[in-house]
Amino acid sequence: MPTVRTQKATLLAHFEQLVTALYALGDGRDNNEEWHRHQARVRGFQEAARVLELVTVEEVQVIIDAAHNAAFGCLLYTSPSPRDQRGS
């Protein structure tokens, strides 16, 4: 029988796959029906794990943040905008 630690690791790995697949479908702004169905699965999984006290909110958020950053990255503007250059 798997240990609690093994079960938790398996659960988190599965959740990570669900979240990564969700972000692979985009951000949901195009009203993609598949995205919304997948989002419901992710939320259901998240809620069940929380209610059963299998994972913490923080553990879930780390996975969501990592998947979001991997899918969308962050915008880093290295050039000053024209507004920023006016004072120069």
PDB file of N, CA and C in Angstrom:
ATOM      1  N   MET A   1       0.846  -1.175   0.000  1.00  0.00           N
ATOM      2  CA  MET A   1       0.000   0.000   0.000  1.00  0.00           C
ATOM      3  C   MET A   1       0.897   1.246   0.000  1.00  0.00           C
ATOM      4  N   PRO A   2       0.561   2.247  -0.869  1.00  0.00           N
ATOM      5  CA  PRO A   2       1.381   3.453  -0.926  1.00  0.00           C
ATOM      6  C   PRO A   2       1.307   4.255   0.374  1.00  0.00           C
ATOM      7  N   THR A   3       2.397   4.914   0.671  1.00  0.00           N
ATOM      8  CA  THR A   3       2.430   5.766   1.862  1.00  0.00           C
ATOM      9  C   THR A   3       1.680   7.063   1.578  1.00  0.00           C
ATOM     10  N   VAL A   4       1.375   7.791   2.629  1.00  0.00           N
ATOM     11  CA  VAL A   4       0.699   9.083   2.480  1.00  0.00           C
ATOM     12  C   VAL A   4       1.568  10.024   1.651  1.00  0.00           C
ATOM     13  N   ARG A   5       2.855   9.987   1.881  1.00  0.00           N
ATOM     14  CA  ARG A   5       3.774  10.852   1.131  1.00  0.00           C
ATOM     15  C   ARG A   5       3.730  10.520  -0.363  1.00  0.00           C
ATOM     16  N   THR A   6       3.704   9.235  -0.691  1.00  0.00           N
ATOM     17  CA  THR A   6       3.638   8.811  -2.089  1.00  0.00           C
ATOM     18  C   THR A   6       2.301   9.220  -2.709  1.00  0.00           C
ATOM     19  N   GLN A   7       1.233   9.047  -1.958  1.00  0.00           N
ATOM     20  CA  GLN A   7      -0.089   9.440  -2.455  1.00  0.00           C
ATOM     21  C   GLN A   7      -0.153  10.942  -2.716  1.00  0.00           C
ATOM     22  N   LYS A   8       0.423  11.711  -1.809  1.00  0.00           N
ATOM     23  CA  LYS A   8       0.420  13.160  -1.962  1.00  0.00           C
ATOM     24  C   LYS A   8       1.240  13.571  -3.179  1.00  0.00           C
ATOM     25  N   ALA A   9       2.389  12.951  -3.365  1.00  0.00           N
ATOM     26  CA  ALA A   9       3.234  13.261  -4.523  1.00  0.00           C
ATOM     27  C   ALA A   9       2.509  12.927  -5.825  1.00  0.00           C
ATOM     28  N   THR A  10       1.819  11.807  -5.844  1.00  0.00           N
ATOM     29  CA  THR A  10       1.057  11.407  -7.024  1.00  0.00           C
ATOM     30  C   THR A  10      -0.068  12.401  -7.292  1.00  0.00           C
ATOM     31  N   LEU A  11      -0.761  12.809  -6.246  1.00  0.00           N
ATOM     32  CA  LEU A  11      -1.841  13.775  -6.348  1.00  0.00           C
ATOM     33  C   LEU A  11      -1.335  15.104  -6.909  1.00  0.00           C
ATOM     34  N   LEU A  12      -0.238  15.597  -6.366  1.00  0.00           N
ATOM     35  CA  LEU A  12       0.315  16.875  -6.831  1.00  0.00           C
ATOM     36  C   LEU A  12       0.795  16.775  -8.278  1.00  0.00           C
ATOM     37  N   ALA A  13       1.379  15.647  -8.644  1.00  0.00           N
ATOM     38  CA  ALA A  13       1.826  15.458 -10.029  1.00  0.00           C
ATOM     39  C   ALA A  13       0.629  15.462 -10.986  1.00  0.00           C
ATOM     40  N   HIS A  14      -0.445  14.809 -10.589  1.00  0.00           N
ATOM     41  CA  HIS A  14      -1.643  14.782 -11.422  1.00  0.00           C
ATOM     42  C   HIS A  14      -2.247  16.183 -11.531  1.00  0.00           C
ATOM     43  N   PHE A  15      -2.284  16.896 -10.438  1.00  0.00           N
ATOM     44  CA  PHE A  15      -2.812  18.261 -10.452  1.00  0.00           C
ATOM     45  C   PHE A  15      -1.968  19.144 -11.372  1.00  0.00           C
ATOM     46  N   GLU A  16      -0.663  18.979 -11.300  1.00  0.00           N
ATOM     47  CA  GLU A  16       0.230  19.750 -12.172  1.00  0.00           C
ATOM     48  C   GLU A  16      -0.068  19.468 -13.648  1.00  0.00           C
ATOM     49  N   GLN A  17      -0.315  18.209 -13.985  1.00  0.00           N
ATOM     50  CA  GLN A  17      -0.662  17.855 -15.369  1.00  0.00           C
ATOM     51  C   GLN A  17      -1.973  18.522 -15.789  1.00  0.00           C
ATOM     52  N   LEU A  18      -2.963  18.510 -14.905  1.00  0.00           N
ATOM     53  CA  LEU A  18      -4.250  19.140 -15.214  1.00  0.00           C
ATOM     54  C   LEU A  18      -4.097  20.637 -15.460  1.00  0.00           C
ATOM     55  N   VAL A  19      -3.345  21.301 -14.596  1.00  0.00           N
ATOM     56  CA  VAL A  19      -3.174  22.751 -14.712  1.00  0.00           C
ATOM     57  C   VAL A  19      -2.363  23.096 -15.959  1.00  0.00           C
ATOM     58  N   THR A  20      -1.321  22.330 -16.227  1.00  0.00           N
ATOM     59  CA  THR A  20      -0.502  22.566 -17.420  1.00  0.00           C
ATOM     60  C   THR A  20      -1.346  22.391 -18.677  1.00  0.00           C
ATOM     61  N   ALA A  21      -2.177  21.365 -18.709  1.00  0.00           N
ATOM     62  CA  ALA A  21      -3.053  21.139 -19.858  1.00  0.00           C
ATOM     63  C   ALA A  21      -4.062  22.280 -20.008  1.00  0.00           C
ATOM     64  N   LEU A  22      -4.549  22.803 -18.887  1.00  0.00           N
ATOM     65  CA  LEU A  22      -5.484  23.922 -18.936  1.00  0.00           C
ATOM     66  C   LEU A  22      -4.835  25.126 -19.591  1.00  0.00           C
ATOM     67  N   TYR A  23      -3.644  25.483 -19.144  1.00  0.00           N
ATOM     68  CA  TYR A  23      -2.968  26.648 -19.720  1.00  0.00           C
ATOM     69  C   TYR A  23      -2.536  26.404 -21.157  1.00  0.00           C
ATOM     70  N   ALA A  24      -2.325  25.162 -21.550  1.00  0.00           N
ATOM     71  CA  ALA A  24      -2.007  24.858 -22.945  1.00  0.00           C
ATOM     72  C   ALA A  24      -3.194  25.187 -23.856  1.00  0.00           C
ATOM     73  N   LEU A  25      -4.390  25.193 -23.284  1.00  0.00           N
ATOM     74  CA  LEU A  25      -5.594  25.539 -24.049  1.00  0.00           C
ATOM     75  C   LEU A  25      -5.792  27.049 -24.175  1.00  0.00           C
ATOM     76  N   GLY A  26      -4.977  27.824 -23.501  1.00  0.00           N
ATOM     77  CA  GLY A  26      -5.093  29.282 -23.555  1.00  0.00           C
ATOM     78  C   GLY A  26      -5.508  29.838 -22.215  1.00  0.00           C
ATOM     79  N   ASP A  27      -6.066  31.043 -22.265  1.00  0.00           N
ATOM     80  CA  ASP A  27      -6.430  31.708 -21.015  1.00  0.00           C
ATOM     81  C   ASP A  27      -7.935  31.804 -20.801  1.00  0.00           C
ATOM     82  N   GLY A  28      -8.732  31.244 -21.703  1.00  0.00           N
ATOM     83  CA  GLY A  28     -10.172  31.216 -21.521  1.00  0.00           C
ATOM     84  C   GLY A  28     -10.906  32.432 -22.029  1.00  0.00           C
ATOM     85  N   ARG A  29     -10.196  33.431 -22.499  1.00  0.00           N
ATOM     86  CA  ARG A  29     -10.870  34.654 -22.951  1.00  0.00           C
ATOM     87  C   ARG A  29     -11.636  34.474 -24.261  1.00  0.00           C
ATOM     88  N   ASP A  30     -11.329  33.403 -24.995  1.00  0.00           N
ATOM     89  CA  ASP A  30     -12.016  33.191 -26.265  1.00  0.00           C
ATOM     90  C   ASP A  30     -13.291  32.356 -26.109  1.00  0.00           C
ATOM     91  N   ASN A  31     -13.688  32.118 -24.859  1.00  0.00           N
ATOM     92  CA  ASN A  31     -14.886  31.329 -24.545  1.00  0.00           C
ATOM     93  C   ASN A  31     -14.845  29.926 -25.137  1.00  0.00           C
ATOM     94  N   ASN A  32     -13.658  29.343 -25.164  1.00  0.00           N
ATOM     95  CA  ASN A  32     -13.466  27.981 -25.649  1.00  0.00           C
ATOM     96  C   ASN A  32     -14.149  27.018 -24.677  1.00  0.00           C
ATOM     97  N   GLU A  33     -15.096  26.255 -25.193  1.00  0.00           N
ATOM     98  CA  GLU A  33     -15.864  25.344 -24.349  1.00  0.00           C
ATOM     99  C   GLU A  33     -14.964  24.293 -23.690  1.00  0.00           C
ATOM    100  N   GLU A  34     -13.985  23.793 -24.427  1.00  0.00           N
ATOM    101  CA  GLU A  34     -13.070  22.788 -23.871  1.00  0.00           C
ATOM    102  C   GLU A  34     -12.279  23.376 -22.704  1.00  0.00           C
ATOM    103  N   TRP A  35     -11.860  24.640 -22.840  1.00  0.00           N
ATOM    104  CA  TRP A  35     -11.110  25.298 -21.768  1.00  0.00           C
ATOM    105  C   TRP A  35     -11.966  25.368 -20.504  1.00  0.00           C
ATOM    106  N   HIS A  36     -13.224  25.745 -20.660  1.00  0.00           N
ATOM    107  CA  HIS A  36     -14.101  25.886 -19.497  1.00  0.00           C
ATOM    108  C   HIS A  36     -14.380  24.530 -18.831  1.00  0.00           C
ATOM    109  N   ARG A  37     -14.525  23.478 -19.633  1.00  0.00           N
ATOM    110  CA  ARG A  37     -14.702  22.136 -19.056  1.00  0.00           C
ATOM    111  C   ARG A  37     -13.451  21.715 -18.289  1.00  0.00           C
ATOM    112  N   HIS A  38     -12.298  22.006 -18.884  1.00  0.00           N
ATOM    113  CA  HIS A  38     -11.045  21.628 -18.225  1.00  0.00           C
ATOM    114  C   HIS A  38     -10.844  22.448 -16.952  1.00  0.00           C
ATOM    115  N   GLN A  39     -11.211  23.714 -16.989  1.00  0.00           N
ATOM    116  CA  GLN A  39     -11.105  24.558 -15.802  1.00  0.00           C
ATOM    117  C   GLN A  39     -11.977  24.005 -14.681  1.00  0.00           C
ATOM    118  N   ALA A  40     -13.161  23.524 -15.009  1.00  0.00           N
ATOM    119  CA  ALA A  40     -14.053  22.936 -14.007  1.00  0.00           C
ATOM    120  C   ALA A  40     -13.409  21.695 -13.381  1.00  0.00           C
ATOM    121  N   ARG A  41     -12.711  20.892 -14.193  1.00  0.00           N
ATOM    122  CA  ARG A  41     -12.010  19.718 -13.649  1.00  0.00           C
ATOM    123  C   ARG A  41     -10.913  20.143 -12.678  1.00  0.00           C
ATOM    124  N   VAL A  42     -10.156  21.163 -13.076  1.00  0.00           N
ATOM    125  CA  VAL A  42      -9.073  21.655 -12.216  1.00  0.00           C
ATOM    126  C   VAL A  42      -9.646  22.168 -10.899  1.00  0.00           C
ATOM    127  N   ARG A  43     -10.697  22.956 -10.974  1.00  0.00           N
ATOM    128  CA  ARG A  43     -11.303  23.494  -9.747  1.00  0.00           C
ATOM    129  C   ARG A  43     -11.893  22.398  -8.872  1.00  0.00           C
ATOM    130  N   GLY A  44     -12.521  21.407  -9.492  1.00  0.00           N
ATOM    131  CA  GLY A  44     -13.061  20.283  -8.728  1.00  0.00           C
ATOM    132  C   GLY A  44     -11.976  19.501  -8.032  1.00  0.00           C
ATOM    133  N   PHE A  45     -10.903  19.250  -8.744  1.00  0.00           N
ATOM    134  CA  PHE A  45      -9.760  18.541  -8.177  1.00  0.00           C
ATOM    135  C   PHE A  45      -9.177  19.340  -7.017  1.00  0.00           C
ATOM    136  N   GLN A  46      -9.019  20.625  -7.230  1.00  0.00           N
ATOM    137  CA  GLN A  46      -8.472  21.521  -6.205  1.00  0.00           C
ATOM    138  C   GLN A  46      -9.354  21.525  -4.964  1.00  0.00           C
ATOM    139  N   GLU A  47     -10.650  21.630  -5.160  1.00  0.00           N
ATOM    140  CA  GLU A  47     -11.577  21.678  -4.026  1.00  0.00           C
ATOM    141  C   GLU A  47     -11.610  20.348  -3.275  1.00  0.00           C
ATOM    142  N   ALA A  48     -11.621  19.240  -4.002  1.00  0.00           N
ATOM    143  CA  ALA A  48     -11.638  17.927  -3.350  1.00  0.00           C
ATOM    144  C   ALA A  48     -10.377  17.728  -2.514  1.00  0.00           C
ATOM    145  N   ALA A  49      -9.242  18.102  -3.062  1.00  0.00           N
ATOM    146  CA  ALA A  49      -7.989  17.951  -2.318  1.00  0.00           C
ATOM    147  C   ALA A  49      -7.992  18.829  -1.069  1.00  0.00           C
ATOM    148  N   ARG A  50      -8.567  20.027  -1.188  1.00  0.00           N
ATOM    149  CA  ARG A  50      -8.625  20.936  -0.038  1.00  0.00           C
ATOM    150  C   ARG A  50      -9.554  20.379   1.033  1.00  0.00           C
ATOM    151  N   VAL A  51     -10.731  19.933   0.632  1.00  0.00           N
ATOM    152  CA  VAL A  51     -11.712  19.417   1.588  1.00  0.00           C
ATOM    153  C   VAL A  51     -11.177  18.176   2.300  1.00  0.00           C
ATOM    154  N   LEU A  52     -10.502  17.330   1.556  1.00  0.00           N
ATOM    155  CA  LEU A  52      -9.954  16.107   2.142  1.00  0.00           C
ATOM    156  C   LEU A  52      -8.642  16.351   2.884  1.00  0.00           C
ATOM    157  N   GLU A  53      -8.189  17.607   2.847  1.00  0.00           N
ATOM    158  CA  GLU A  53      -6.947  18.019   3.510  1.00  0.00           C
ATOM    159  C   GLU A  53      -5.746  17.199   3.025  1.00  0.00           C
ATOM    160  N   LEU A  54      -5.710  16.956   1.728  1.00  0.00           N
ATOM    161  CA  LEU A  54      -4.597  16.220   1.139  1.00  0.00           C
ATOM    162  C   LEU A  54      -3.447  17.140   0.775  1.00  0.00           C
ATOM    163  N   VAL A  55      -3.778  18.356   0.381  1.00  0.00           N
ATOM    164  CA  VAL A  55      -2.764  19.346   0.028  1.00  0.00           C
ATOM    165  C   VAL A  55      -3.163  20.689   0.622  1.00  0.00           C
ATOM    166  N   THR A  56      -2.196  21.576   0.712  1.00  0.00           N
ATOM    167  CA  THR A  56      -2.474  22.912   1.240  1.00  0.00           C
ATOM    168  C   THR A  56      -2.794  23.862   0.084  1.00  0.00           C
ATOM    169  N   VAL A  57      -3.422  24.958   0.416  1.00  0.00           N
ATOM    170  CA  VAL A  57      -3.718  25.992  -0.568  1.00  0.00           C
ATOM    171  C   VAL A  57      -2.409  26.498  -1.180  1.00  0.00           C
ATOM    172  N   GLU A  58      -1.395  26.611  -0.368  1.00  0.00           N
ATOM    173  CA  GLU A  58      -0.104  27.104  -0.842  1.00  0.00           C
ATOM    174  C   GLU A  58       0.516  26.154  -1.866  1.00  0.00           C
ATOM    175  N   GLU A  59       0.422  24.854  -1.618  1.00  0.00           N
ATOM    176  CA  GLU A  59       0.967  23.875  -2.567  1.00  0.00           C
ATOM    177  C   GLU A  59       0.242  23.963  -3.909  1.00  0.00           C
ATOM    178  N   VAL A  60      -1.051  24.130  -3.853  1.00  0.00           N
ATOM    179  CA  VAL A  60      -1.844  24.263  -5.075  1.00  0.00           C
ATOM    180  C   VAL A  60      -1.457  25.540  -5.809  1.00  0.00           C
ATOM    181  N   GLN A  61      -1.302  26.637  -5.077  1.00  0.00           N
ATOM    182  CA  GLN A  61      -0.979  27.914  -5.708  1.00  0.00           C
ATOM    183  C   GLN A  61       0.394  27.882  -6.365  1.00  0.00           C
ATOM    184  N   VAL A  62       1.350  27.209  -5.767  1.00  0.00           N
ATOM    185  CA  VAL A  62       2.690  27.085  -6.364  1.00  0.00           C
ATOM    186  C   VAL A  62       2.584  26.402  -7.721  1.00  0.00           C
ATOM    187  N   ILE A  63       1.795  25.356  -7.808  1.00  0.00           N
ATOM    188  CA  ILE A  63       1.616  24.630  -9.069  1.00  0.00           C
ATOM    189  C   ILE A  63       0.930  25.514 -10.107  1.00  0.00           C
ATOM    190  N   ILE A  64      -0.110  26.215  -9.699  1.00  0.00           N
ATOM    191  CA  ILE A  64      -0.826  27.099 -10.619  1.00  0.00           C
ATOM    192  C   ILE A  64       0.094  28.207 -11.125  1.00  0.00           C
ATOM    193  N   ASP A  65       0.835  28.830 -10.227  1.00  0.00           N
ATOM    194  CA  ASP A  65       1.744  29.913 -10.623  1.00  0.00           C
ATOM    195  C   ASP A  65       2.818  29.425 -11.586  1.00  0.00           C
ATOM    196  N   ALA A  66       3.396  28.258 -11.310  1.00  0.00           N
ATOM    197  CA  ALA A  66       4.445  27.716 -12.175  1.00  0.00           C
ATOM    198  C   ALA A  66       3.902  27.411 -13.571  1.00  0.00           C
ATOM    199  N   ALA A  67       2.711  26.830 -13.640  1.00  0.00           N
ATOM    200  CA  ALA A  67       2.114  26.507 -14.939  1.00  0.00           C
ATOM    201  C   ALA A  67       1.760  27.783 -15.708  1.00  0.00           C
ATOM    202  N   HIS A  68       1.247  28.764 -14.995  1.00  0.00           N
ATOM    203  CA  HIS A  68       0.905  30.035 -15.636  1.00  0.00           C
ATOM    204  C   HIS A  68       2.156  30.707 -16.196  1.00  0.00           C
ATOM    205  N   ASN A  69       3.210  30.755 -15.396  1.00  0.00           N
ATOM    206  CA  ASN A  69       4.452  31.378 -15.855  1.00  0.00           C
ATOM    207  C   ASN A  69       5.067  30.620 -17.020  1.00  0.00           C
ATOM    208  N   ALA A  70       4.985  29.297 -17.002  1.00  0.00           N
ATOM    209  CA  ALA A  70       5.523  28.495 -18.106  1.00  0.00           C
ATOM    210  C   ALA A  70       4.730  28.740 -19.391  1.00  0.00           C
ATOM    211  N   ALA A  71       3.419  28.896 -19.264  1.00  0.00           N
ATOM    212  CA  ALA A  71       2.578  29.077 -20.448  1.00  0.00           C
ATOM    213  C   ALA A  71       2.627  30.501 -20.988  1.00  0.00           C
ATOM    214  N   PHE A  72       2.600  31.463 -20.099  1.00  0.00           N
ATOM    215  CA  PHE A  72       2.466  32.843 -20.540  1.00  0.00           C
ATOM    216  C   PHE A  72       3.697  33.698 -20.252  1.00  0.00           C
ATOM    217  N   GLY A  73       4.575  33.226 -19.369  1.00  0.00           N
ATOM    218  CA  GLY A  73       5.748  34.012 -19.020  1.00  0.00           C
ATOM    219  C   GLY A  73       5.343  35.331 -18.403  1.00  0.00           C
ATOM    220  N   CYS A  74       6.283  36.202 -18.327  1.00  0.00           N
ATOM    221  CA  CYS A  74       5.959  37.541 -17.846  1.00  0.00           C
ATOM    222  C   CYS A  74       6.494  38.533 -18.859  1.00  0.00           C
ATOM    223  N   LEU A  75       5.842  39.642 -18.951  1.00  0.00           N
ATOM    224  CA  LEU A  75       6.281  40.673 -19.874  1.00  0.00           C
ATOM    225  C   LEU A  75       7.295  41.553 -19.165  1.00  0.00           C
ATOM    226  N   LEU A  76       8.469  41.625 -19.758  1.00  0.00           N
ATOM    227  CA  LEU A  76       9.520  42.439 -19.178  1.00  0.00           C
ATOM    228  C   LEU A  76       9.923  43.470 -20.213  1.00  0.00           C
ATOM    229  N   TYR A  77       9.640  44.714 -19.922  1.00  0.00           N
ATOM    230  CA  TYR A  77       9.980  45.785 -20.843  1.00  0.00           C
ATOM    231  C   TYR A  77      11.329  46.350 -20.429  1.00  0.00           C
ATOM    232  N   THR A  78      12.286  46.219 -21.323  1.00  0.00           N
ATOM    233  CA  THR A  78      13.622  46.703 -21.000  1.00  0.00           C
ATOM    234  C   THR A  78      13.898  48.071 -21.600  1.00  0.00           C
ATOM    235  N   SER A  79      13.108  48.467 -22.587  1.00  0.00           N
ATOM    236  CA  SER A  79      13.297  49.780 -23.198  1.00  0.00           C
ATOM    237  C   SER A  79      12.373  50.773 -22.524  1.00  0.00           C
ATOM    238  N   PRO A  80      12.868  51.957 -22.265  1.00  0.00           N
ATOM    239  CA  PRO A  80      11.979  52.952 -21.662  1.00  0.00           C
ATOM    240  C   PRO A  80      10.904  53.380 -22.662  1.00  0.00           C
ATOM    241  N   SER A  81       9.736  53.668 -22.148  1.00  0.00           N
ATOM    242  CA  SER A  81       8.657  54.140 -23.011  1.00  0.00           C
ATOM    243  C   SER A  81       8.917  55.599 -23.374  1.00  0.00           C
ATOM    244  N   PRO A  82       8.266  56.098 -24.436  1.00  0.00           N
ATOM    245  CA  PRO A  82       8.427  57.526 -24.776  1.00  0.00           C
ATOM    246  C   PRO A  82       8.062  58.429 -23.601  1.00  0.00           C
ATOM    247  N   ARG A  83       7.073  58.025 -22.804  1.00  0.00           N
ATOM    248  CA  ARG A  83       6.691  58.823 -21.641  1.00  0.00           C
ATOM    249  C   ARG A  83       7.859  58.922 -20.659  1.00  0.00           C
ATOM    250  N   ASP A  84       8.601  57.800 -20.489  1.00  0.00           N
ATOM    251  CA  ASP A  84       9.722  57.804 -19.563  1.00  0.00           C
ATOM    252  C   ASP A  84      10.880  58.650 -20.077  1.00  0.00           C
ATOM    253  N   GLN A  85      10.980  58.816 -21.391  1.00  0.00           N
ATOM    254  CA  GLN A  85      12.099  59.554 -21.977  1.00  0.00           C
ATOM    255  C   GLN A  85      11.855  61.054 -22.025  1.00  0.00           C
ATOM    256  N   ARG A  86      10.618  61.488 -21.808  1.00  0.00           N
ATOM    257  CA  ARG A  86      10.303  62.927 -21.897  1.00  0.00           C
ATOM    258  C   ARG A  86      11.117  63.763 -20.931  1.00  0.00           C
ATOM    259  N   GLY A  87      11.380  63.233 -19.772  1.00  0.00           N
ATOM    260  CA  GLY A  87      12.113  63.995 -18.769  1.00  0.00           C
ATOM    261  C   GLY A  87      13.599  64.070 -19.050  1.00  0.00           C
ATOM    262  N   SER A  88      14.103  63.250 -19.970  1.00  0.00           N
ATOM    263  CA  SER A  88      15.544  63.205 -20.257  1.00  0.00           C
ATOM    264  C   SER A  88      15.979  64.315 -21.167  1.00  0.00           C
TER     265      SER A  88
END
